[in-house]
Amino acid sequence: MADWKIEEGRFQLGDLPVESGGIIRSAELAWQSHGVINASRDNVIVYPCSYTARHEDLTWLIGPGQILDPTKYFIVIPDMFSNGLSSSAGDDPRFPDLVTMGDNVKAQYRLLTEYFQVSTVQCAYGFSMGAGQAYHWAALYPELVERAIVVCGSARTSDHNKVFLSGLLRTLEAAPEYRGGGQFSAEPVKSLIAFGHIYAGWGLSQDFYRAGLYRSALGAPDLQSFLKTDWEASFLSHRAADLYAQAKTWYHADISARAPFDGDLPAALASIRARVLLLPSETDLYFRVADNEAELTHLRSGELRVIPSIWGHRAGSPAGLDHEETFLRVAVHEWLNS
């Protein structure tokens, strides 16, 4: 049992208009908090979720002396729409066709400012899709956010990343159970298995497979067993409508998509006042180091530190990987304390 305060709840947002023009009816944002907010309400870290993750999946890096320390900070984990805890496409056949990262972060802003009455966000921290949301926090609320830590993420989904996501979306759409609009008549088991196999080729690097780490580090007897137990099983545990909705959120992620930037990414990056730490993995196939290097040139105050690892995207969420976890903890502590 944790020896720090943990609370969770559901924040009622009412009927929530989204950027695409739809409405999330009776929208709810699930959340979990760690630690205690101080009297000035400025010791806050917002820690958004990654693809398919729920708040309990993110807590491995929270603890005294860990990557995020609840004895120093008040850490709020808001659950992303369509993760099965917050309002989700799998619960509502009339869920909007597209809910953006901006929609998620605007709802999170209401949670922090209306419910927790936060005055300053010390840091927006995120991994993968959570990193994209951290970037959105810094861009949408420059006067509020002091720091952003972007772990294996980007300000805009790259074209190469979109090709991967398009493959996932088309795989779900090819299912006989697909009835359009991101909804399914039943769970498309064969498509979800295929989904997991596609994902396995991207989530870990070529070097990971070449070294056979699925056997030596993860204990799988062979490649097919690894794909079945680690990838098929994972995605079969999620509803296809939620996977589809969050993949669209990821596909359309772009901090410059709306006014006043209207697609001008350099201008959106230059508007960020927060100090931004970019932490890509050197072997990530989604979020390439080169993408963060290009973003860095437009940031007012930023730094890039590459995570040395052959674990691909997984290096940014390195539970159980001692070398990568140590690298991440040291980098985050230095950034938060600087």
C-alpha atoms as a PDB file:
ATOM      1  CA  MET A   1       0.000   0.000   0.000  1.00  0.00           C
ATOM      2  CA  ALA A   2       1.277   3.455  -0.924  1.00  0.00           C
ATOM      3  CA  ASP A   3       2.387   5.672   1.956  1.00  0.00           C
ATOM      4  CA  TRP A   4       1.173   8.850   0.249  1.00  0.00           C
ATOM      5  CA  LYS A   5      -2.302  10.172  -0.366  1.00  0.00           C
ATOM      6  CA  ILE A   6      -4.117   8.772  -3.422  1.00  0.00           C
ATOM      7  CA  GLU A   7      -7.558   9.873  -4.513  1.00  0.00           C
ATOM      8  CA  GLU A   8      -9.654   9.322  -7.626  1.00  0.00           C
ATOM      9  CA  GLY A   9     -12.941  10.505  -9.019  1.00  0.00           C
ATOM     10  CA  ARG A  10     -15.009  11.486 -12.029  1.00  0.00           C
ATOM     11  CA  PHE A  11     -15.323  15.089 -13.120  1.00  0.00           C
ATOM     12  CA  GLN A  12     -18.636  16.001 -14.748  1.00  0.00           C
ATOM     13  CA  LEU A  13     -18.228  18.164 -17.867  1.00  0.00           C
ATOM     14  CA  GLY A  14     -21.823  18.254 -19.088  1.00  0.00           C
ATOM     15  CA  ASP A  15     -22.536  18.034 -22.810  1.00  0.00           C
ATOM     16  CA  LEU A  16     -19.079  18.801 -24.193  1.00  0.00           C
ATOM     17  CA  PRO A  17     -18.683  20.277 -27.700  1.00  0.00           C
ATOM     18  CA  VAL A  18     -15.538  19.085 -29.471  1.00  0.00           C
ATOM     19  CA  GLU A  19     -13.402  20.675 -32.156  1.00  0.00           C
ATOM     20  CA  SER A  20     -14.778  18.440 -34.918  1.00  0.00           C
ATOM     21  CA  GLY A  21     -18.277  19.790 -34.317  1.00  0.00           C
ATOM     22  CA  GLY A  22     -19.691  16.839 -32.373  1.00  0.00           C
ATOM     23  CA  ILE A  23     -20.732  16.596 -28.738  1.00  0.00           C
ATOM     24  CA  ILE A  24     -19.700  14.175 -26.008  1.00  0.00           C
ATOM     25  CA  ARG A  25     -22.989  13.808 -24.186  1.00  0.00           C
ATOM     26  CA  SER A  26     -22.834  13.990 -20.376  1.00  0.00           C
ATOM     27  CA  ALA A  27     -19.056  13.910 -20.634  1.00  0.00           C
ATOM     28  CA  GLU A  28     -17.028  12.590 -17.726  1.00  0.00           C
ATOM     29  CA  LEU A  29     -13.315  12.723 -17.067  1.00  0.00           C
ATOM     30  CA  ALA A  30     -11.963  10.027 -14.760  1.00  0.00           C
ATOM     31  CA  TRP A  31      -8.876  10.945 -12.782  1.00  0.00           C
ATOM     32  CA  GLN A  32      -6.484   9.847 -10.064  1.00  0.00           C
ATOM     33  CA  SER A  33      -4.259  12.066  -7.902  1.00  0.00           C
ATOM     34  CA  HIS A  34      -1.116  11.337  -5.901  1.00  0.00           C
ATOM     35  CA  GLY A  35       0.204  13.524  -3.101  1.00  0.00           C
ATOM     36  CA  VAL A  36      -1.181  16.710  -1.580  1.00  0.00           C
ATOM     37  CA  ILE A  37      -1.723  20.057  -3.270  1.00  0.00           C
ATOM     38  CA  ASN A  38       0.015  22.864  -1.400  1.00  0.00           C
ATOM     39  CA  ALA A  39      -1.571  26.052  -0.081  1.00  0.00           C
ATOM     40  CA  SER A  40      -0.547  28.090  -3.126  1.00  0.00           C
ATOM     41  CA  ARG A  41      -1.839  25.328  -5.433  1.00  0.00           C
ATOM     42  CA  ASP A  42       1.269  25.466  -7.599  1.00  0.00           C
ATOM     43  CA  ASN A  43       3.041  22.137  -6.972  1.00  0.00           C
ATOM     44  CA  VAL A  44       1.039  20.360  -9.670  1.00  0.00           C
ATOM     45  CA  ILE A  45       2.192  17.866 -12.294  1.00  0.00           C
ATOM     46  CA  VAL A  46      -0.403  16.857 -14.876  1.00  0.00           C
ATOM     47  CA  TYR A  47       0.347  13.397 -16.272  1.00  0.00           C
ATOM     48  CA  PRO A  48      -1.956  12.458 -19.197  1.00  0.00           C
ATOM     49  CA  CYS A  49      -2.439   8.890 -20.411  1.00  0.00           C
ATOM     50  CA  SER A  50      -0.896   7.170 -23.429  1.00  0.00           C
ATOM     51  CA  TYR A  51      -2.682   5.027 -26.030  1.00  0.00           C
ATOM     52  CA  THR A  52      -5.085   2.528 -24.350  1.00  0.00           C
ATOM     53  CA  ALA A  53      -3.621   3.293 -20.897  1.00  0.00           C
ATOM     54  CA  ARG A  54      -5.674   3.937 -17.781  1.00  0.00           C
ATOM     55  CA  HIS A  55      -4.479   5.795 -14.726  1.00  0.00           C
ATOM     56  CA  GLU A  56      -3.518   2.607 -12.875  1.00  0.00           C
ATOM     57  CA  ASP A  57      -1.161   1.707 -15.739  1.00  0.00           C
ATOM     58  CA  LEU A  58       0.839   4.895 -15.208  1.00  0.00           C
ATOM     59  CA  THR A  59       1.523   4.662 -11.485  1.00  0.00           C
ATOM     60  CA  TRP A  60       4.669   2.521 -11.742  1.00  0.00           C
ATOM     61  CA  LEU A  61       6.875   5.646 -11.944  1.00  0.00           C
ATOM     62  CA  ILE A  62       5.244   7.453  -8.992  1.00  0.00           C
ATOM     63  CA  GLY A  63       6.767   7.188  -5.524  1.00  0.00           C
ATOM     64  CA  PRO A  64       9.204   8.853  -3.110  1.00  0.00           C
ATOM     65  CA  GLY A  65      12.462   9.320  -4.984  1.00  0.00           C
ATOM     66  CA  GLN A  66      10.982   7.844  -8.147  1.00  0.00           C
ATOM     67  CA  ILE A  67      10.574   9.571 -11.518  1.00  0.00           C
ATOM     68  CA  LEU A  68       7.585  11.560 -10.212  1.00  0.00           C
ATOM     69  CA  ASP A  69       7.676  12.105  -6.451  1.00  0.00           C
ATOM     70  CA  PRO A  70       4.296  12.506  -4.667  1.00  0.00           C
ATOM     71  CA  THR A  71       5.997  13.802  -1.523  1.00  0.00           C
ATOM     72  CA  LYS A  72       7.091  16.882  -3.494  1.00  0.00           C
ATOM     73  CA  TYR A  73       4.362  17.263  -6.113  1.00  0.00           C
ATOM     74  CA  PHE A  74       0.631  16.884  -6.486  1.00  0.00           C
ATOM     75  CA  ILE A  75       0.357  14.559  -9.490  1.00  0.00           C
ATOM     76  CA  VAL A  76      -2.933  14.379 -11.401  1.00  0.00           C
ATOM     77  CA  ILE A  77      -3.506  11.619 -13.960  1.00  0.00           C
ATOM     78  CA  PRO A  78      -6.523  12.434 -16.170  1.00  0.00           C
ATOM     79  CA  ASP A  79      -7.861   9.503 -18.182  1.00  0.00           C
ATOM     80  CA  MET A  80      -8.004  10.172 -21.900  1.00  0.00           C
ATOM     81  CA  PHE A  81     -11.353   9.990 -23.657  1.00  0.00           C
ATOM     82  CA  SER A  82     -12.061   6.493 -25.032  1.00  0.00           C
ATOM     83  CA  ASN A  83      -9.782   4.693 -22.592  1.00  0.00           C
ATOM     84  CA  GLY A  84     -12.804   2.992 -21.033  1.00  0.00           C
ATOM     85  CA  LEU A  85     -12.846   5.078 -17.837  1.00  0.00           C
ATOM     86  CA  SER A  86     -13.508   8.573 -19.137  1.00  0.00           C
ATOM     87  CA  SER A  87     -16.347   8.982 -21.663  1.00  0.00           C
ATOM     88  CA  SER A  88     -15.607   6.505 -24.436  1.00  0.00           C
ATOM     89  CA  ALA A  89     -16.658   5.579 -27.940  1.00  0.00           C
ATOM     90  CA  GLY A  90     -17.240   2.012 -26.772  1.00  0.00           C
ATOM     91  CA  ASP A  91     -19.998   3.241 -24.425  1.00  0.00           C
ATOM     92  CA  ASP A  92     -21.840   5.592 -26.805  1.00  0.00           C
ATOM     93  CA  PRO A  93     -22.728   4.762 -30.441  1.00  0.00           C
ATOM     94  CA  ARG A  94     -23.209   8.502 -31.005  1.00  0.00           C
ATOM     95  CA  PHE A  95     -19.740   9.394 -29.762  1.00  0.00           C
ATOM     96  CA  PRO A  96     -18.130  12.110 -31.943  1.00  0.00           C
ATOM     97  CA  ASP A  97     -16.274  10.918 -35.024  1.00  0.00           C
ATOM     98  CA  LEU A  98     -13.125  12.733 -33.856  1.00  0.00           C
ATOM     99  CA  VAL A  99     -12.045  13.830 -30.383  1.00  0.00           C
ATOM    100  CA  THR A 100      -8.692  15.583 -30.594  1.00  0.00           C
ATOM    101  CA  MET A 101      -5.799  15.915 -28.178  1.00  0.00           C
ATOM    102  CA  GLY A 102      -6.871  19.533 -27.853  1.00  0.00           C
ATOM    103  CA  ASP A 103     -10.338  18.392 -26.727  1.00  0.00           C
ATOM    104  CA  ASN A 104      -8.735  16.137 -24.124  1.00  0.00           C
ATOM    105  CA  VAL A 105      -6.449  18.851 -22.782  1.00  0.00           C
ATOM    106  CA  LYS A 106      -9.208  21.457 -22.639  1.00  0.00           C
ATOM    107  CA  ALA A 107     -11.266  19.051 -20.522  1.00  0.00           C
ATOM    108  CA  GLN A 108      -8.225  18.391 -18.324  1.00  0.00           C
ATOM    109  CA  TYR A 109      -7.756  22.142 -17.927  1.00  0.00           C
ATOM    110  CA  ARG A 110     -11.284  22.387 -16.563  1.00  0.00           C
ATOM    111  CA  LEU A 111     -10.555  19.569 -14.102  1.00  0.00           C
ATOM    112  CA  LEU A 112      -7.412  21.276 -12.818  1.00  0.00           C
ATOM    113  CA  THR A 113      -8.752  24.827 -12.668  1.00  0.00           C
ATOM    114  CA  GLU A 114     -12.391  24.251 -11.695  1.00  0.00           C
ATOM    115  CA  TYR A 115     -12.128  21.222  -9.414  1.00  0.00           C
ATOM    116  CA  PHE A 116      -8.584  21.506  -8.027  1.00  0.00           C
ATOM    117  CA  GLN A 117      -8.348  25.319  -8.446  1.00  0.00           C
ATOM    118  CA  VAL A 118      -4.780  25.029  -9.681  1.00  0.00           C
ATOM    119  CA  SER A 119      -2.846  28.295 -10.075  1.00  0.00           C
ATOM    120  CA  THR A 120       0.291  26.935 -11.776  1.00  0.00           C
ATOM    121  CA  VAL A 121       1.214  23.685 -13.491  1.00  0.00           C
ATOM    122  CA  GLN A 122       4.807  22.993 -12.496  1.00  0.00           C
ATOM    123  CA  CYS A 123       5.061  20.395 -15.224  1.00  0.00           C
ATOM    124  CA  ALA A 124       3.050  18.641 -17.906  1.00  0.00           C
ATOM    125  CA  TYR A 125       4.611  15.185 -18.187  1.00  0.00           C
ATOM    126  CA  GLY A 126       3.665  12.529 -20.699  1.00  0.00           C
ATOM    127  CA  PHE A 127       4.765   9.483 -22.656  1.00  0.00           C
ATOM    128  CA  SER A 128       3.683   8.752 -26.254  1.00  0.00           C
ATOM    129  CA  MET A 129       0.127  10.100 -26.685  1.00  0.00           C
ATOM    130  CA  GLY A 130       0.517  11.497 -23.182  1.00  0.00           C
ATOM    131  CA  ALA A 131       3.588  13.372 -24.458  1.00  0.00           C
ATOM    132  CA  GLY A 132       1.471  14.854 -27.234  1.00  0.00           C
ATOM    133  CA  GLN A 133      -0.987  16.043 -24.608  1.00  0.00           C
ATOM    134  CA  ALA A 134       1.862  17.527 -22.550  1.00  0.00           C
ATOM    135  CA  TYR A 135       2.871  19.477 -25.667  1.00  0.00           C
ATOM    136  CA  HIS A 136      -0.729  20.628 -26.077  1.00  0.00           C
ATOM    137  CA  TRP A 137      -0.801  21.786 -22.446  1.00  0.00           C
ATOM    138  CA  ALA A 138       2.265  23.959 -23.059  1.00  0.00           C
ATOM    139  CA  ALA A 139       0.865  25.361 -26.321  1.00  0.00           C
ATOM    140  CA  LEU A 140      -2.739  25.937 -25.239  1.00  0.00           C
ATOM    141  CA  TYR A 141      -1.971  27.363 -21.776  1.00  0.00           C
ATOM    142  CA  PRO A 142       1.438  29.066 -21.991  1.00  0.00           C
ATOM    143  CA  GLU A 143       0.678  31.331 -19.042  1.00  0.00           C
ATOM    144  CA  LEU A 144      -0.068  28.352 -16.761  1.00  0.00           C
ATOM    145  CA  VAL A 145       2.565  25.721 -17.586  1.00  0.00           C
ATOM    146  CA  GLU A 146       6.115  26.152 -16.254  1.00  0.00           C
ATOM    147  CA  ARG A 147       7.703  23.003 -17.706  1.00  0.00           C
ATOM    148  CA  ALA A 148       6.833  20.240 -20.146  1.00  0.00           C
ATOM    149  CA  ILE A 149       8.503  16.847 -20.368  1.00  0.00           C
ATOM    150  CA  VAL A 150       7.814  15.110 -23.669  1.00  0.00           C
ATOM    151  CA  VAL A 151       8.845  11.437 -23.566  1.00  0.00           C
ATOM    152  CA  CYS A 152       8.733   9.678 -26.944  1.00  0.00           C
ATOM    153  CA  GLY A 153       6.199  12.078 -28.401  1.00  0.00           C
ATOM    154  CA  SER A 154       5.785  14.963 -30.805  1.00  0.00           C
ATOM    155  CA  ALA A 155       3.987  18.251 -31.341  1.00  0.00           C
ATOM    156  CA  ARG A 156       2.422  16.971 -34.562  1.00  0.00           C
ATOM    157  CA  THR A 157       1.938  13.395 -35.756  1.00  0.00           C
ATOM    158  CA  SER A 158       4.397  12.846 -38.597  1.00  0.00           C
ATOM    159  CA  ASP A 159       3.387  11.495 -41.988  1.00  0.00           C
ATOM    160  CA  HIS A 160       5.366   8.305 -41.346  1.00  0.00           C
ATOM    161  CA  ASN A 161       3.538   7.832 -38.041  1.00  0.00           C
ATOM    162  CA  LYS A 162       0.225   8.405 -39.850  1.00  0.00           C
ATOM    163  CA  VAL A 163       1.026   5.544 -42.241  1.00  0.00           C
ATOM    164  CA  PHE A 164       1.266   3.193 -39.243  1.00  0.00           C
ATOM    165  CA  LEU A 165      -1.989   4.510 -37.788  1.00  0.00           C
ATOM    166  CA  SER A 166      -3.745   4.302 -41.145  1.00  0.00           C
ATOM    167  CA  GLY A 167      -2.846   0.611 -41.267  1.00  0.00           C
ATOM    168  CA  LEU A 168      -4.423   0.051 -37.862  1.00  0.00           C
ATOM    169  CA  LEU A 169      -7.579   1.962 -38.785  1.00  0.00           C
ATOM    170  CA  ARG A 170      -7.966   0.158 -42.110  1.00  0.00           C
ATOM    171  CA  THR A 171      -7.498  -3.198 -40.340  1.00  0.00           C
ATOM    172  CA  LEU A 172     -10.413  -2.416 -38.022  1.00  0.00           C
ATOM    173  CA  GLU A 173     -12.536  -1.080 -40.872  1.00  0.00           C
ATOM    174  CA  ALA A 174     -11.958  -4.313 -42.846  1.00  0.00           C
ATOM    175  CA  ALA A 175     -13.670  -6.374 -40.137  1.00  0.00           C
ATOM    176  CA  PRO A 176     -17.108  -7.739 -41.089  1.00  0.00           C
ATOM    177  CA  GLU A 177     -18.311  -6.414 -37.727  1.00  0.00           C
ATOM    178  CA  TYR A 178     -17.454  -2.823 -38.681  1.00  0.00           C
ATOM    179  CA  ARG A 179     -20.593  -0.766 -39.311  1.00  0.00           C
ATOM    180  CA  GLY A 180     -19.025   2.663 -39.931  1.00  0.00           C
ATOM    181  CA  GLY A 181     -18.436   5.742 -37.822  1.00  0.00           C
ATOM    182  CA  GLY A 182     -15.922   3.929 -35.630  1.00  0.00           C
ATOM    183  CA  GLN A 183     -18.569   1.508 -34.311  1.00  0.00           C
ATOM    184  CA  PHE A 184     -18.845  -2.286 -34.420  1.00  0.00           C
ATOM    185  CA  SER A 185     -21.743  -4.750 -34.213  1.00  0.00           C
ATOM    186  CA  ALA A 186     -19.542  -7.070 -32.128  1.00  0.00           C
ATOM    187  CA  GLU A 187     -15.891  -7.202 -31.134  1.00  0.00           C
ATOM    188  CA  PRO A 188     -13.873  -8.046 -34.292  1.00  0.00           C
ATOM    189  CA  VAL A 189     -11.628 -10.722 -32.791  1.00  0.00           C
ATOM    190  CA  LYS A 190      -9.660 -11.577 -35.932  1.00  0.00           C
ATOM    191  CA  SER A 191      -9.022  -7.907 -36.692  1.00  0.00           C
ATOM    192  CA  LEU A 192      -7.898  -7.267 -33.106  1.00  0.00           C
ATOM    193  CA  ILE A 193      -5.412 -10.128 -33.394  1.00  0.00           C
ATOM    194  CA  ALA A 194      -4.095  -8.639 -36.640  1.00  0.00           C
ATOM    195  CA  PHE A 195      -4.012  -5.229 -34.919  1.00  0.00           C
ATOM    196  CA  GLY A 196      -1.720  -6.644 -32.228  1.00  0.00           C
ATOM    197  CA  HIS A 197       0.655  -8.186 -34.767  1.00  0.00           C
ATOM    198  CA  ILE A 198       0.945  -4.887 -36.669  1.00  0.00           C
ATOM    199  CA  TYR A 199       1.589  -3.004 -33.448  1.00  0.00           C
ATOM    200  CA  ALA A 200       4.300  -5.459 -32.355  1.00  0.00           C
ATOM    201  CA  GLY A 201       6.394  -4.547 -35.386  1.00  0.00           C
ATOM    202  CA  TRP A 202       6.362  -0.875 -34.405  1.00  0.00           C
ATOM    203  CA  GLY A 203       6.363  -0.794 -30.612  1.00  0.00           C
ATOM    204  CA  LEU A 204       9.793  -2.418 -30.353  1.00  0.00           C
ATOM    205  CA  SER A 205      12.843  -1.892 -32.520  1.00  0.00           C
ATOM    206  CA  GLN A 206      14.529  -4.092 -35.097  1.00  0.00           C
ATOM    207  CA  ASP A 207      17.484  -4.271 -32.708  1.00  0.00           C
ATOM    208  CA  PHE A 208      15.203  -5.614 -29.958  1.00  0.00           C
ATOM    209  CA  TYR A 209      14.101  -8.484 -32.167  1.00  0.00           C
ATOM    210  CA  ARG A 210      17.576  -9.095 -33.551  1.00  0.00           C
ATOM    211  CA  ALA A 211      18.886  -9.469 -30.000  1.00  0.00           C
ATOM    212  CA  GLY A 212      16.042 -11.865 -29.145  1.00  0.00           C
ATOM    213  CA  LEU A 213      15.055  -9.867 -26.065  1.00  0.00           C
ATOM    214  CA  TYR A 214      11.537 -11.264 -26.219  1.00  0.00           C
ATOM    215  CA  ARG A 215      13.209 -14.533 -25.099  1.00  0.00           C
ATOM    216  CA  SER A 216      16.134 -13.443 -22.938  1.00  0.00           C
ATOM    217  CA  ALA A 217      14.502 -10.441 -21.202  1.00  0.00           C
ATOM    218  CA  LEU A 218      10.779 -11.177 -21.382  1.00  0.00           C
ATOM    219  CA  GLY A 219      10.827 -14.942 -21.070  1.00  0.00           C
ATOM    220  CA  ALA A 220       8.864 -15.915 -24.164  1.00  0.00           C
ATOM    221  CA  PRO A 221       9.815 -19.363 -25.495  1.00  0.00           C
ATOM    222  CA  ASP A 222       9.563 -18.235 -29.121  1.00  0.00           C
ATOM    223  CA  LEU A 223       8.407 -15.350 -31.309  1.00  0.00           C
ATOM    224  CA  GLN A 224       4.879 -16.639 -31.915  1.00  0.00           C
ATOM    225  CA  SER A 225       4.299 -17.111 -28.194  1.00  0.00           C
ATOM    226  CA  PHE A 226       5.508 -13.557 -27.576  1.00  0.00           C
ATOM    227  CA  LEU A 227       3.132 -12.145 -30.186  1.00  0.00           C
ATOM    228  CA  LYS A 228       0.227 -14.084 -28.717  1.00  0.00           C
ATOM    229  CA  THR A 229       0.756 -13.421 -25.022  1.00  0.00           C
ATOM    230  CA  ASP A 230       2.100  -9.872 -25.159  1.00  0.00           C
ATOM    231  CA  TRP A 231       0.343  -8.370 -28.170  1.00  0.00           C
ATOM    232  CA  GLU A 232      -2.759 -10.327 -29.122  1.00  0.00           C
ATOM    233  CA  ALA A 233      -3.874 -10.602 -25.508  1.00  0.00           C
ATOM    234  CA  SER A 234      -3.281  -6.909 -24.866  1.00  0.00           C
ATOM    235  CA  PHE A 235      -5.455  -5.634 -27.695  1.00  0.00           C
ATOM    236  CA  LEU A 236      -8.134  -8.310 -27.265  1.00  0.00           C
ATOM    237  CA  SER A 237      -8.690  -6.802 -23.798  1.00  0.00           C
ATOM    238  CA  HIS A 238      -9.774  -3.464 -25.336  1.00  0.00           C
ATOM    239  CA  ARG A 239     -12.930  -2.563 -27.208  1.00  0.00           C
ATOM    240  CA  ALA A 240     -12.421  -1.970 -30.901  1.00  0.00           C
ATOM    241  CA  ALA A 241     -14.432   1.272 -30.825  1.00  0.00           C
ATOM    242  CA  ASP A 242     -12.081   2.705 -28.216  1.00  0.00           C
ATOM    243  CA  LEU A 243      -8.968   1.592 -30.107  1.00  0.00           C
ATOM    244  CA  TYR A 244     -10.379   3.178 -33.250  1.00  0.00           C
ATOM    245  CA  ALA A 245     -11.282   6.463 -31.533  1.00  0.00           C
ATOM    246  CA  GLN A 246      -7.926   6.885 -29.807  1.00  0.00           C
ATOM    247  CA  ALA A 247      -6.039   6.018 -33.005  1.00  0.00           C
ATOM    248  CA  LYS A 248      -7.904   8.864 -34.736  1.00  0.00           C
ATOM    249  CA  THR A 249      -6.994  11.184 -31.872  1.00  0.00           C
ATOM    250  CA  TRP A 250      -3.351  10.229 -32.350  1.00  0.00           C
ATOM    251  CA  TYR A 251      -3.532  10.537 -36.149  1.00  0.00           C
ATOM    252  CA  HIS A 252      -4.832  14.118 -36.000  1.00  0.00           C
ATOM    253  CA  ALA A 253      -2.592  15.338 -33.156  1.00  0.00           C
ATOM    254  CA  ASP A 254      -1.173  18.788 -33.942  1.00  0.00           C
ATOM    255  CA  ILE A 255      -0.590  21.663 -31.516  1.00  0.00           C
ATOM    256  CA  SER A 256      -0.948  24.119 -34.423  1.00  0.00           C
ATOM    257  CA  ALA A 257      -4.196  22.754 -35.876  1.00  0.00           C
ATOM    258  CA  ARG A 258      -6.513  25.552 -34.671  1.00  0.00           C
ATOM    259  CA  ALA A 259      -6.470  29.332 -34.548  1.00  0.00           C
ATOM    260  CA  PRO A 260      -4.406  31.364 -34.115  1.00  0.00           C
ATOM    261  CA  PHE A 261      -1.794  29.098 -35.753  1.00  0.00           C
ATOM    262  CA  ASP A 262      -3.886  27.393 -38.457  1.00  0.00           C
ATOM    263  CA  GLY A 263      -1.222  24.809 -39.227  1.00  0.00           C
ATOM    264  CA  ASP A 264       1.875  26.952 -38.631  1.00  0.00           C
ATOM    265  CA  LEU A 265       3.795  24.539 -36.418  1.00  0.00           C
ATOM    266  CA  PRO A 266       6.927  26.700 -35.988  1.00  0.00           C
ATOM    267  CA  ALA A 267       4.736  29.571 -34.741  1.00  0.00           C
ATOM    268  CA  ALA A 268       2.913  27.276 -32.322  1.00  0.00           C
ATOM    269  CA  LEU A 269       6.211  25.948 -30.964  1.00  0.00           C
ATOM    270  CA  ALA A 270       7.614  29.470 -30.618  1.00  0.00           C
ATOM    271  CA  SER A 271       4.566  30.515 -28.590  1.00  0.00           C
ATOM    272  CA  ILE A 272       5.369  28.026 -25.829  1.00  0.00           C
ATOM    273  CA  ARG A 273       6.775  29.739 -22.740  1.00  0.00           C
ATOM    274  CA  ALA A 274       7.397  26.557 -20.774  1.00  0.00           C
ATOM    275  CA  ARG A 275      10.842  25.005 -20.583  1.00  0.00           C
ATOM    276  CA  VAL A 276      10.508  21.864 -22.692  1.00  0.00           C
ATOM    277  CA  LEU A 277      12.558  18.699 -22.219  1.00  0.00           C
ATOM    278  CA  LEU A 278      12.389  16.327 -25.189  1.00  0.00           C
ATOM    279  CA  LEU A 279      13.244  12.708 -24.382  1.00  0.00           C
ATOM    280  CA  PRO A 280      13.024  10.526 -27.499  1.00  0.00           C
ATOM    281  CA  SER A 281      14.276   6.952 -27.668  1.00  0.00           C
ATOM    282  CA  GLU A 282      17.084   6.501 -30.170  1.00  0.00           C
ATOM    283  CA  THR A 283      15.320   3.435 -31.674  1.00  0.00           C
ATOM    284  CA  ASP A 284      11.674   4.575 -31.507  1.00  0.00           C
ATOM    285  CA  LEU A 285       9.886   3.872 -34.788  1.00  0.00           C
ATOM    286  CA  TYR A 286       6.919   6.192 -34.112  1.00  0.00           C
ATOM    287  CA  PHE A 287       8.500   9.352 -32.748  1.00  0.00           C
ATOM    288  CA  ARG A 288      11.881   9.758 -34.354  1.00  0.00           C
ATOM    289  CA  VAL A 289      14.720  11.743 -32.819  1.00  0.00           C
ATOM    290  CA  ALA A 290      14.811  13.846 -35.995  1.00  0.00           C
ATOM    291  CA  ASP A 291      11.240  15.036 -35.395  1.00  0.00           C
ATOM    292  CA  ASN A 292      12.165  16.340 -31.937  1.00  0.00           C
ATOM    293  CA  GLU A 293      15.354  17.884 -33.328  1.00  0.00           C
ATOM    294  CA  ALA A 294      13.271  19.840 -35.827  1.00  0.00           C
ATOM    295  CA  GLU A 295      10.886  21.010 -33.075  1.00  0.00           C
ATOM    296  CA  LEU A 296      13.747  22.079 -30.818  1.00  0.00           C
ATOM    297  CA  THR A 297      14.906  24.764 -33.250  1.00  0.00           C
ATOM    298  CA  HIS A 298      11.620  26.659 -32.759  1.00  0.00           C
ATOM    299  CA  LEU A 299      11.254  26.369 -28.970  1.00  0.00           C
ATOM    300  CA  ARG A 300      12.149  29.392 -26.823  1.00  0.00           C
ATOM    301  CA  SER A 301      13.601  27.181 -24.100  1.00  0.00           C
ATOM    302  CA  GLY A 302      14.175  23.531 -24.813  1.00  0.00           C
ATOM    303  CA  GLU A 303      16.608  20.685 -24.493  1.00  0.00           C
ATOM    304  CA  LEU A 304      16.841  17.291 -26.174  1.00  0.00           C
ATOM    305  CA  ARG A 305      18.263  14.223 -24.457  1.00  0.00           C
ATOM    306  CA  VAL A 306      18.130  10.956 -26.371  1.00  0.00           C
ATOM    307  CA  ILE A 307      17.367   7.804 -24.369  1.00  0.00           C
ATOM    308  CA  PRO A 308      20.048   5.238 -25.320  1.00  0.00           C
ATOM    309  CA  SER A 309      18.179   1.968 -25.778  1.00  0.00           C
ATOM    310  CA  ILE A 310      17.329  -0.815 -28.205  1.00  0.00           C
ATOM    311  CA  TRP A 311      13.839  -1.169 -26.704  1.00  0.00           C
ATOM    312  CA  GLY A 312      12.289   1.187 -29.251  1.00  0.00           C
ATOM    313  CA  HIS A 313       9.191   3.049 -28.086  1.00  0.00           C
ATOM    314  CA  ARG A 314       9.090   0.991 -24.895  1.00  0.00           C
ATOM    315  CA  ALA A 315      12.223   2.822 -23.683  1.00  0.00           C
ATOM    316  CA  GLY A 316      10.012   5.798 -22.820  1.00  0.00           C
ATOM    317  CA  SER A 317       7.898   3.718 -20.442  1.00  0.00           C
ATOM    318  CA  PRO A 318      10.654   1.530 -19.018  1.00  0.00           C
ATOM    319  CA  ALA A 319       9.049  -0.260 -16.086  1.00  0.00           C
ATOM    320  CA  GLY A 320      11.483  -3.046 -15.243  1.00  0.00           C
ATOM    321  CA  LEU A 321      14.247  -1.744 -17.538  1.00  0.00           C
ATOM    322  CA  ASP A 322      16.893  -0.562 -15.086  1.00  0.00           C
ATOM    323  CA  HIS A 323      19.159   1.336 -17.496  1.00  0.00           C
ATOM    324  CA  GLU A 324      16.352   3.225 -19.227  1.00  0.00           C
ATOM    325  CA  GLU A 325      14.472   3.910 -16.001  1.00  0.00           C
ATOM    326  CA  THR A 326      17.588   5.371 -14.372  1.00  0.00           C
ATOM    327  CA  PHE A 327      18.250   7.577 -17.397  1.00  0.00           C
ATOM    328  CA  LEU A 328      14.661   8.859 -17.302  1.00  0.00           C
ATOM    329  CA  ARG A 329      14.649   9.455 -13.548  1.00  0.00           C
ATOM    330  CA  VAL A 330      17.907  11.440 -13.611  1.00  0.00           C
ATOM    331  CA  ALA A 331      16.800  13.559 -16.578  1.00  0.00           C
ATOM    332  CA  VAL A 332      13.377  14.321 -15.080  1.00  0.00           C
ATOM    333  CA  HIS A 333      14.768  15.216 -11.636  1.00  0.00           C
ATOM    334  CA  GLU A 334      17.350  17.545 -13.138  1.00  0.00           C
ATOM    335  CA  TRP A 335      14.670  19.263 -15.249  1.00  0.00           C
ATOM    336  CA  LEU A 336      12.203  19.642 -12.394  1.00  0.00           C
ATOM    337  CA  ASN A 337      14.886  20.974 -10.030  1.00  0.00           C
ATOM    338  CA  SER A 338      16.544  23.361 -12.472  1.00  0.00           C
END
